[in-house]
Amino acid sequence: MYFRGLDEALATFDHHKPDEGQLFRIMRVREAAKNFVRVIWESSPNSPDRTCAIRYAHEAMMTANKSIILNSPKPLETSDGPSESA
């Protein structure tokens, strides 16, 4: 991620509530990550490398979720406020 300024960098630490469309995509990523961790768990011997692989799967999920939240188009706004549809 490229930050154009300090405010933009600091904003990544704010809470960003997902809209319904983003939440659906986040849940899909989460389920895929959990399935991947099951495969790692069942296929790899108990070792530091298995633990590391699971941590990387978690990091990949979190980074994908961050991408969904920070880079998705924002819902359309009207003069009455934010739109209900996304």
Foldseek 3Di string as FASTA:
>chain_A
DDDPDPVRVVCLPDDFDDAPVLVVVLVVLVVVLVVVLVCLVVPDDPDVVSVVVNVVSVVVSVVVSSCSRPPDDDADADPVGGDNDD
